[in-house]
């Protein structure tokens, strides 16, 4: 099921809009794929606000990691190779 969800692109459009809930706007798309060793039709739903929040959290973490790697790169730019391997 996770594979089906991961590869299903749900565009934000009037055709895929289902309804607005207390937790956000729900979009859905019907797709067909293998599930339990049979070709089945399934509906994949997304909550746009939760998806955006998750993407923002991931981007924030990746930005922090990038800044730390840049600082480490700057700090170690003049180190000999042996010291880099020890670090």
N, C-alpha and C. Protein backbone atom coordinates (compact mmCIF):
# COMPACT_ATOMS: atom_id res chain seq x y z
N UNK A 1 0.82 -1.19 0.00
CA UNK A 1 0.00 0.00 0.00
C UNK A 1 0.87 1.25 0.00
N UNK A 2 1.95 1.23 0.79
CA UNK A 2 2.83 2.41 0.86
C UNK A 2 3.39 2.74 -0.52
N UNK A 3 3.74 1.73 -1.29
CA UNK A 3 4.26 1.93 -2.63
C UNK A 3 3.22 2.63 -3.52
N UNK A 4 1.99 2.23 -3.41
CA UNK A 4 0.91 2.85 -4.20
C UNK A 4 0.77 4.32 -3.80
N UNK A 5 0.78 4.59 -2.52
CA UNK A 5 0.64 5.97 -2.04
C UNK A 5 1.81 6.82 -2.52
N UNK A 6 3.03 6.28 -2.40
CA UNK A 6 4.22 7.03 -2.78
C UNK A 6 4.26 7.39 -4.26
N UNK A 7 3.77 6.50 -5.11
CA UNK A 7 3.88 6.78 -6.54
C UNK A 7 2.61 7.42 -7.14
N UNK A 8 1.60 7.68 -6.32
CA UNK A 8 0.38 8.32 -6.82
C UNK A 8 0.48 9.82 -6.64
N UNK A 9 0.46 10.53 -7.75
CA UNK A 9 0.48 11.99 -7.72
C UNK A 9 -0.97 12.49 -7.72
N UNK A 10 -1.29 13.27 -6.72
CA UNK A 10 -2.65 13.81 -6.63
C UNK A 10 -2.58 15.31 -6.85
N UNK A 11 -2.98 15.77 -8.03
CA UNK A 11 -2.92 17.21 -8.29
C UNK A 11 -3.96 17.96 -7.45
N UNK A 12 -3.63 19.19 -7.10
CA UNK A 12 -4.58 20.03 -6.37
C UNK A 12 -5.46 20.72 -7.39
N UNK A 13 -6.61 20.16 -7.62
CA UNK A 13 -7.52 20.70 -8.63
C UNK A 13 -8.97 20.48 -8.19
N UNK A 14 -9.89 21.17 -8.81
CA UNK A 14 -11.30 20.96 -8.47
C UNK A 14 -11.75 19.52 -8.69
N UNK A 15 -11.14 18.83 -9.67
CA UNK A 15 -11.52 17.45 -9.96
C UNK A 15 -11.11 16.49 -8.85
N UNK A 16 -10.03 16.79 -8.14
CA UNK A 16 -9.56 15.89 -7.09
C UNK A 16 -9.99 16.33 -5.69
N UNK A 17 -10.57 17.52 -5.58
CA UNK A 17 -11.02 18.02 -4.28
C UNK A 17 -12.19 17.18 -3.77
N UNK A 18 -12.10 16.74 -2.50
CA UNK A 18 -13.17 15.94 -1.91
C UNK A 18 -13.99 16.79 -0.95
N UNK A 19 -13.34 17.32 0.07
CA UNK A 19 -14.04 18.22 0.99
C UNK A 19 -13.05 18.90 1.94
N UNK A 20 -13.55 19.89 2.64
CA UNK A 20 -12.76 20.57 3.65
C UNK A 20 -13.17 20.02 5.01
N UNK A 21 -12.15 19.65 5.80
CA UNK A 21 -12.43 19.15 7.15
C UNK A 21 -11.82 20.11 8.16
N UNK A 22 -12.00 19.80 9.42
CA UNK A 22 -11.40 20.63 10.46
C UNK A 22 -9.88 20.62 10.38
N UNK A 23 -9.32 19.55 9.84
CA UNK A 23 -7.86 19.43 9.79
C UNK A 23 -7.27 19.85 8.45
N UNK A 24 -8.09 20.20 7.47
CA UNK A 24 -7.56 20.67 6.21
C UNK A 24 -8.40 20.30 5.01
N UNK A 25 -7.83 20.54 3.85
CA UNK A 25 -8.49 20.26 2.58
C UNK A 25 -8.08 18.87 2.10
N UNK A 26 -9.06 18.05 1.75
CA UNK A 26 -8.83 16.67 1.36
C UNK A 26 -8.97 16.53 -0.15
N UNK A 27 -7.96 15.90 -0.76
CA UNK A 27 -7.96 15.61 -2.19
C UNK A 27 -7.80 14.11 -2.36
N UNK A 28 -8.32 13.56 -3.47
CA UNK A 28 -8.25 12.12 -3.68
C UNK A 28 -8.14 11.79 -5.16
N UNK A 29 -7.61 10.60 -5.41
CA UNK A 29 -7.50 10.12 -6.79
C UNK A 29 -7.61 8.60 -6.78
N UNK A 30 -8.40 8.07 -7.70
CA UNK A 30 -8.52 6.62 -7.85
C UNK A 30 -7.39 6.15 -8.76
N UNK A 31 -6.77 5.03 -8.37
CA UNK A 31 -5.69 4.45 -9.15
C UNK A 31 -5.82 2.93 -9.12
N UNK A 32 -5.16 2.26 -10.03
CA UNK A 32 -5.18 0.81 -10.08
C UNK A 32 -3.74 0.32 -9.99
N UNK A 33 -3.52 -0.67 -9.10
CA UNK A 33 -2.18 -1.21 -8.91
C UNK A 33 -2.28 -2.55 -8.20
N UNK A 34 -1.13 -3.21 -8.08
CA UNK A 34 -1.10 -4.50 -7.37
C UNK A 34 -1.24 -4.28 -5.87
N UNK A 35 -2.16 -4.99 -5.28
CA UNK A 35 -2.37 -4.95 -3.84
C UNK A 35 -2.76 -6.36 -3.40
N UNK A 36 -2.00 -6.95 -2.51
CA UNK A 36 -2.22 -8.34 -2.08
C UNK A 36 -2.22 -9.29 -3.28
N UNK A 37 -1.23 -9.07 -4.16
CA UNK A 37 -0.98 -9.92 -5.32
C UNK A 37 -2.10 -9.92 -6.37
N UNK A 38 -2.97 -8.92 -6.33
CA UNK A 38 -4.01 -8.78 -7.36
C UNK A 38 -4.09 -7.33 -7.79
N UNK A 39 -4.46 -7.13 -9.04
CA UNK A 39 -4.67 -5.78 -9.54
C UNK A 39 -5.97 -5.26 -8.94
N UNK A 40 -5.88 -4.15 -8.22
CA UNK A 40 -7.06 -3.62 -7.53
C UNK A 40 -7.17 -2.13 -7.76
N UNK A 41 -8.37 -1.66 -7.64
CA UNK A 41 -8.64 -0.23 -7.71
C UNK A 41 -8.70 0.32 -6.29
N UNK A 42 -7.92 1.36 -6.03
CA UNK A 42 -7.89 1.98 -4.71
C UNK A 42 -8.00 3.49 -4.84
N UNK A 43 -8.43 4.14 -3.78
CA UNK A 43 -8.49 5.60 -3.75
C UNK A 43 -7.44 6.07 -2.75
N UNK A 44 -6.60 6.99 -3.21
CA UNK A 44 -5.56 7.56 -2.36
C UNK A 44 -5.99 8.98 -1.98
N UNK A 45 -5.98 9.27 -0.69
CA UNK A 45 -6.38 10.58 -0.18
C UNK A 45 -5.15 11.31 0.37
N UNK A 46 -5.17 12.65 0.26
CA UNK A 46 -4.14 13.46 0.91
C UNK A 46 -4.80 14.63 1.63
N UNK A 47 -4.17 15.05 2.68
CA UNK A 47 -4.56 16.27 3.38
C UNK A 47 -3.49 17.29 3.02
N UNK A 48 -3.85 18.28 2.21
CA UNK A 48 -2.86 19.22 1.69
C UNK A 48 -2.12 19.97 2.80
N UNK A 49 -2.80 20.38 3.84
CA UNK A 49 -2.15 21.12 4.91
C UNK A 49 -1.12 20.25 5.63
N UNK A 50 -1.45 19.00 5.89
CA UNK A 50 -0.49 18.10 6.54
C UNK A 50 0.70 17.83 5.63
N UNK A 51 0.44 17.66 4.32
CA UNK A 51 1.53 17.42 3.38
C UNK A 51 2.47 18.62 3.34
N UNK A 52 1.90 19.82 3.29
CA UNK A 52 2.72 21.03 3.27
C UNK A 52 3.52 21.17 4.55
N UNK A 53 2.90 20.89 5.68
CA UNK A 53 3.58 20.97 6.97
C UNK A 53 4.74 19.98 7.02
N UNK A 54 4.53 18.77 6.53
CA UNK A 54 5.59 17.75 6.51
C UNK A 54 6.74 18.19 5.62
N UNK A 55 6.43 18.72 4.45
CA UNK A 55 7.46 19.20 3.53
C UNK A 55 8.25 20.34 4.16
N UNK A 56 7.55 21.26 4.82
CA UNK A 56 8.23 22.37 5.49
C UNK A 56 9.16 21.87 6.58
N UNK A 57 8.71 20.91 7.38
CA UNK A 57 9.55 20.34 8.44
C UNK A 57 10.80 19.66 7.85
N UNK A 58 10.61 18.92 6.75
CA UNK A 58 11.74 18.25 6.12
C UNK A 58 12.73 19.27 5.56
N UNK A 59 12.21 20.31 4.91
CA UNK A 59 13.09 21.33 4.34
C UNK A 59 13.86 22.07 5.43
N UNK A 60 13.21 22.33 6.56
CA UNK A 60 13.88 22.99 7.68
C UNK A 60 15.03 22.12 8.20
N UNK A 61 14.78 20.82 8.36
CA UNK A 61 15.82 19.91 8.83
C UNK A 61 16.97 19.82 7.82
N UNK A 62 16.64 19.71 6.53
CA UNK A 62 17.68 19.64 5.51
C UNK A 62 18.49 20.92 5.44
N UNK A 63 17.86 22.06 5.63
CA UNK A 63 18.57 23.33 5.65
C UNK A 63 19.57 23.37 6.81
N UNK A 64 19.14 22.93 7.99
CA UNK A 64 20.03 22.89 9.15
C UNK A 64 21.22 21.98 8.89
N UNK A 65 20.96 20.79 8.35
CA UNK A 65 22.04 19.85 8.04
C UNK A 65 23.01 20.46 7.04
N UNK A 66 22.48 21.14 6.02
CA UNK A 66 23.33 21.80 5.02
C UNK A 66 24.22 22.86 5.64
N UNK A 67 23.65 23.66 6.55
CA UNK A 67 24.44 24.69 7.23
C UNK A 67 25.55 24.06 8.07
N UNK A 68 25.22 22.97 8.77
CA UNK A 68 26.23 22.28 9.58
C UNK A 68 27.34 21.69 8.70
N UNK A 69 26.96 21.12 7.57
CA UNK A 69 27.97 20.56 6.67
C UNK A 69 28.85 21.65 6.07
N UNK A 70 28.26 22.79 5.74
CA UNK A 70 29.05 23.91 5.23
C UNK A 70 30.04 24.41 6.28
N UNK A 71 29.59 24.51 7.53
CA UNK A 71 30.48 24.95 8.61
C UNK A 71 31.62 23.94 8.81
N UNK A 72 31.28 22.67 8.79
CA UNK A 72 32.30 21.63 8.94
C UNK A 72 33.28 21.65 7.78
N UNK A 73 32.78 21.87 6.58
CA UNK A 73 33.63 21.95 5.40
C UNK A 73 34.60 23.12 5.51
N UNK A 74 34.10 24.25 5.97
CA UNK A 74 34.94 25.44 6.14
C UNK A 74 35.99 25.20 7.22
N UNK A 75 35.58 24.59 8.33
CA UNK A 75 36.48 24.33 9.44
C UNK A 75 37.60 23.37 9.03
N UNK A 76 37.29 22.39 8.22
CA UNK A 76 38.27 21.36 7.87
C UNK A 76 38.96 21.55 6.54
N UNK A 77 38.78 22.71 5.92
CA UNK A 77 39.33 22.88 4.56
C UNK A 77 40.86 22.79 4.52
N UNK A 78 41.54 23.13 5.59
CA UNK A 78 43.00 23.08 5.60
C UNK A 78 43.55 21.87 6.33
N UNK A 79 42.69 20.98 6.78
CA UNK A 79 43.13 19.79 7.51
C UNK A 79 43.75 18.78 6.54
N UNK A 80 44.73 18.02 7.03
CA UNK A 80 45.23 16.92 6.20
C UNK A 80 44.19 15.79 6.13
N UNK A 81 44.30 14.96 5.13
CA UNK A 81 43.32 13.90 4.91
C UNK A 81 43.17 12.97 6.13
N UNK A 82 44.28 12.67 6.79
CA UNK A 82 44.23 11.77 7.95
C UNK A 82 43.37 12.35 9.06
N UNK A 83 43.45 13.66 9.27
CA UNK A 83 42.63 14.28 10.32
C UNK A 83 41.14 14.26 9.94
N UNK A 84 40.86 14.43 8.65
CA UNK A 84 39.45 14.38 8.19
C UNK A 84 38.86 13.00 8.47
N UNK A 85 39.64 11.94 8.27
CA UNK A 85 39.14 10.59 8.52
C UNK A 85 38.94 10.34 10.01
N UNK A 86 39.76 10.97 10.86
CA UNK A 86 39.61 10.82 12.31
C UNK A 86 38.39 11.56 12.82
N UNK A 87 37.99 12.62 12.16
CA UNK A 87 36.88 13.44 12.62
C UNK A 87 35.61 12.71 12.36
